[in-house]
Amino acid sequence: MKSREEHLVELVDETGKAHGELTVAAAHQPPGQLHRAFSVLLVDPDGQVLLQRRAAVKTRFPLRWANSCCGHPQPGESLAEAANRRLREELGAGPVELTEVGVYVYYAEDPATGRVEFEYDHVLRGDFLPAAPLLPDPDEVAELRWADPAALEADLDRDPRSYAPWLGGVVNRLLHPSGAPTPVVPPPGSSADDTAERSGGR
């Protein structure tokens, strides 16, 4: 099975317009190449958000708390398809109806691994039903917890090194959506039953 480090990501400009592709591994080498990504936050009926602590084998920001699920759409793959693929792979969850609540560009260097995150990040919100099962992959997720987003925003200011550097922007977009939320519609014929790929990347 091909490692996710060998998968292709979509290179974009600062407006999100695609202009090429590169492997995951190459895009995250210094100085980094701006590429499309997504960050999913699952929200329960009480407004709590699901956080995951990234597994120790992750190549970028291992053992940091982050949003429910992250990833990159491959060239030609829709956000809904890519996000539900990663929800299934990382958490054993889905499919989930997702809404885009904002986009932001961030840059972060991982001092532990030397890798770089330079991403045009689509923030996606999904409603989570409490009875829905979760089966996190230990190669992806060290642990899970639920958090109040407002309290989380305050804790990110107090203890930023416990969290992935993109989480602050993700939570900000959830609490303060930019513009009208945009439904993310899965393509016709997409299935949550496709074979999942396991890996240690973002």
Protein backbone atom coordinates (compact mmCIF):
# COMPACT_ATOMS: atom_id res chain seq x y z
CA MET A 1 0.00 0.00 0.00
CA LYS A 2 1.36 3.44 -0.92
CA SER A 3 2.35 5.56 2.08
CA ARG A 4 0.34 8.74 2.45
CA GLU A 5 3.65 10.62 2.34
CA GLU A 6 3.75 9.60 -1.34
CA HIS A 7 0.22 10.81 -2.11
CA LEU A 8 -0.22 14.00 -4.11
CA VAL A 9 -1.53 17.27 -2.71
CA GLU A 10 -2.89 20.24 -4.65
CA LEU A 11 -0.61 23.28 -4.69
CA VAL A 12 -2.53 26.57 -4.50
CA ASP A 13 -1.88 30.30 -4.45
CA GLU A 14 -2.95 32.62 -1.63
CA THR A 15 -6.47 32.82 -3.12
CA GLY A 16 -6.87 29.02 -3.19
CA LYS A 17 -6.44 28.70 -6.96
CA ALA A 18 -4.75 25.40 -7.89
CA HIS A 19 -1.55 25.57 -9.92
CA GLY A 20 0.13 22.18 -9.57
CA GLU A 21 0.68 19.13 -7.41
CA LEU A 22 3.40 17.65 -5.22
CA THR A 23 3.80 14.70 -2.87
CA VAL A 24 2.83 15.12 0.78
CA ALA A 25 6.46 14.54 1.82
CA ALA A 26 7.87 17.16 -0.56
CA ALA A 27 5.21 19.78 0.25
CA HIS A 28 6.14 19.60 3.94
CA GLN A 29 9.90 19.94 3.53
CA PRO A 30 11.33 23.39 4.38
CA PRO A 31 10.55 26.03 3.29
CA GLY A 32 7.17 24.41 2.54
CA GLN A 33 4.81 24.67 -0.43
CA LEU A 34 1.36 26.20 0.03
CA HIS A 35 -1.23 23.48 -0.57
CA ARG A 36 -4.89 22.71 0.05
CA ALA A 37 -5.85 21.03 3.32
CA PHE A 38 -8.91 20.61 5.52
CA SER A 39 -9.59 20.48 9.24
CA VAL A 40 -12.77 18.85 10.55
CA LEU A 41 -14.41 19.66 13.87
CA LEU A 42 -17.14 17.28 15.01
CA VAL A 43 -19.63 19.02 17.28
CA ASP A 44 -22.06 17.24 19.63
CA PRO A 45 -25.60 18.49 20.42
CA ASP A 46 -24.28 20.37 23.50
CA GLY A 47 -21.75 22.28 21.42
CA GLN A 48 -18.71 20.32 22.61
CA VAL A 49 -16.01 19.64 20.01
CA LEU A 50 -14.11 16.38 19.59
CA LEU A 51 -10.33 16.69 19.88
CA GLN A 52 -7.75 14.07 19.07
CA ARG A 53 -4.23 13.80 20.43
CA ARG A 54 -2.07 12.96 17.45
CA ALA A 55 -0.24 9.63 17.58
CA ALA A 56 3.47 9.49 18.40
CA VAL A 57 4.29 8.21 14.88
CA LYS A 58 2.91 11.31 13.15
CA THR A 59 5.53 13.04 11.00
CA ARG A 60 4.29 16.51 11.99
CA PHE A 61 3.43 17.69 15.50
CA PRO A 62 3.08 14.25 17.15
CA LEU A 63 1.36 14.00 20.54
CA ARG A 64 -0.19 17.46 20.20
CA TRP A 65 -3.93 17.95 20.65
CA ALA A 66 -5.69 18.86 17.41
CA ASN A 67 -9.17 19.01 15.91
CA SER A 68 -11.23 15.90 15.20
CA CYS A 69 -9.52 15.06 11.89
CA CYS A 70 -7.16 16.64 9.34
CA GLY A 71 -5.98 15.85 5.87
CA HIS A 72 -5.40 16.87 2.27
CA PRO A 73 -7.70 16.33 -0.70
CA GLN A 74 -5.80 14.66 -3.50
CA PRO A 75 -5.90 16.46 -6.88
CA GLY A 76 -9.43 16.18 -8.27
CA GLU A 77 -10.89 14.91 -4.96
CA SER A 78 -13.71 16.92 -3.38
CA LEU A 79 -13.45 18.22 0.18
CA ALA A 80 -16.44 16.11 1.27
CA GLU A 81 -14.96 12.94 -0.19
CA ALA A 82 -11.51 13.58 1.27
CA ALA A 83 -12.78 14.60 4.71
CA ASN A 84 -15.08 11.60 5.05
CA ARG A 85 -12.25 9.33 3.90
CA ARG A 86 -10.03 10.66 6.69
CA LEU A 87 -12.83 10.54 9.28
CA ARG A 88 -13.24 6.87 8.44
CA GLU A 89 -9.49 6.16 8.47
CA GLU A 90 -8.62 8.08 11.62
CA LEU A 91 -11.75 7.68 13.75
CA GLY A 92 -13.85 4.92 12.17
CA ALA A 93 -16.59 7.56 11.83
CA GLY A 94 -18.89 8.73 9.10
CA PRO A 95 -20.12 9.51 6.65
CA VAL A 96 -20.85 12.95 8.10
CA GLU A 97 -22.58 15.94 6.52
CA LEU A 98 -20.06 18.77 6.56
CA THR A 99 -20.31 22.55 6.29
CA GLU A 100 -17.40 24.83 5.49
CA VAL A 101 -17.26 27.64 8.07
CA GLY A 102 -14.13 29.40 6.83
CA VAL A 103 -10.68 29.19 5.29
CA TYR A 104 -7.35 30.41 6.57
CA VAL A 105 -3.71 30.16 5.57
CA TYR A 106 -1.12 29.26 8.18
CA TYR A 107 2.56 28.44 8.35
CA ALA A 108 4.22 26.44 11.14
CA GLU A 109 7.57 24.73 11.60
CA ASP A 110 7.75 21.57 13.73
CA PRO A 111 10.89 21.84 15.87
CA ALA A 112 10.78 18.12 16.71
CA THR A 113 10.74 16.77 13.13
CA GLY A 114 11.93 19.66 10.97
CA ARG A 115 8.78 19.43 8.82
CA VAL A 116 6.74 22.46 7.76
CA GLU A 117 3.01 23.09 7.53
CA PHE A 118 2.09 25.75 4.93
CA GLU A 119 -1.57 25.22 4.22
CA TYR A 120 -4.66 26.77 2.72
CA ASP A 121 -6.97 25.18 5.27
CA HIS A 122 -10.71 24.65 4.74
CA VAL A 123 -12.41 24.43 8.16
CA LEU A 124 -15.29 21.93 8.10
CA ARG A 125 -17.95 21.48 10.77
CA GLY A 126 -19.90 18.25 11.22
CA ASP A 127 -22.64 17.32 13.66
CA PHE A 128 -21.84 14.25 15.74
CA LEU A 129 -24.55 12.05 17.23
CA PRO A 130 -23.61 10.81 20.72
CA ALA A 131 -24.61 7.24 19.88
CA ALA A 132 -22.35 7.10 16.81
CA PRO A 133 -19.44 4.69 17.31
CA LEU A 134 -15.80 5.79 17.19
CA LEU A 135 -12.98 3.35 16.47
CA PRO A 136 -9.80 5.45 16.42
CA ASP A 137 -6.77 4.01 14.64
CA PRO A 138 -3.88 3.91 17.16
CA ASP A 139 -1.43 4.73 14.37
CA GLU A 140 -3.32 8.00 13.90
CA VAL A 141 -4.81 8.89 17.29
CA ALA A 142 -3.29 8.59 20.77
CA GLU A 143 -6.48 9.63 22.62
CA LEU A 144 -9.74 11.54 22.27
CA ARG A 145 -11.57 14.07 24.42
CA TRP A 146 -14.47 16.48 24.18
CA ALA A 147 -13.97 20.17 24.94
CA ASP A 148 -16.00 23.36 25.17
CA PRO A 149 -14.76 25.49 22.25
CA ALA A 150 -14.75 28.78 24.19
CA ALA A 151 -12.76 27.21 27.05
CA LEU A 152 -10.48 25.59 24.50
CA GLU A 153 -9.81 28.96 22.86
CA ALA A 154 -8.69 30.32 26.24
CA ASP A 155 -6.50 27.28 26.94
CA LEU A 156 -4.82 27.66 23.55
CA ASP A 157 -3.61 31.08 24.73
CA ARG A 158 -2.39 29.70 28.07
CA ASP A 159 -0.68 26.53 26.82
CA PRO A 160 -0.12 26.69 23.05
CA ARG A 161 2.63 24.02 22.99
CA SER A 162 0.14 21.32 23.98
CA TYR A 163 -1.81 21.91 20.78
CA ALA A 164 -1.19 21.66 17.04
CA PRO A 165 -0.42 25.15 15.70
CA TRP A 166 -3.39 25.20 13.33
CA LEU A 167 -6.00 24.45 16.04
CA GLY A 168 -6.38 28.07 17.14
CA GLY A 169 -7.40 29.15 13.64
CA VAL A 170 -9.75 26.18 13.29
CA VAL A 171 -11.55 26.96 16.56
CA ASN A 172 -11.69 30.66 15.65
CA ARG A 173 -13.43 29.85 12.36
CA LEU A 174 -15.91 27.61 14.18
CA LEU A 175 -16.78 30.31 16.74
CA HIS A 176 -16.65 33.17 14.23
CA PRO A 177 -17.59 31.83 10.77
CA SER A 178 -16.39 33.95 7.84
CA GLY A 179 -19.34 34.67 5.56
CA ALA A 180 -22.27 32.34 5.00
CA PRO A 181 -21.50 28.69 5.86
CA THR A 182 -21.11 26.60 2.71
CA PRO A 183 -22.47 23.04 2.57
CA VAL A 184 -19.86 20.57 1.36
CA VAL A 185 -21.69 18.17 -0.92
CA PRO A 186 -20.33 14.67 -1.54
CA PRO A 187 -20.01 13.69 -5.20
CA PRO A 188 -22.58 11.31 -6.70
CA GLY A 189 -21.75 7.65 -6.11
CA SER A 190 -19.26 8.33 -3.31
CA SER A 191 -19.21 5.67 -0.63
CA ALA A 192 -17.97 5.48 2.93
CA ASP A 193 -17.21 1.81 2.36
CA ASP A 194 -14.14 2.32 0.18
CA THR A 195 -11.01 0.65 1.48
CA ALA A 196 -9.38 2.83 4.14
CA GLU A 197 -5.70 3.64 4.00
CA ARG A 198 -3.69 3.69 7.22
CA SER A 199 -0.70 5.92 7.73
CA GLY A 200 1.15 8.19 10.11
CA GLY A 201 0.86 11.46 8.20
CA ARG A 202 -1.44 14.44 8.57
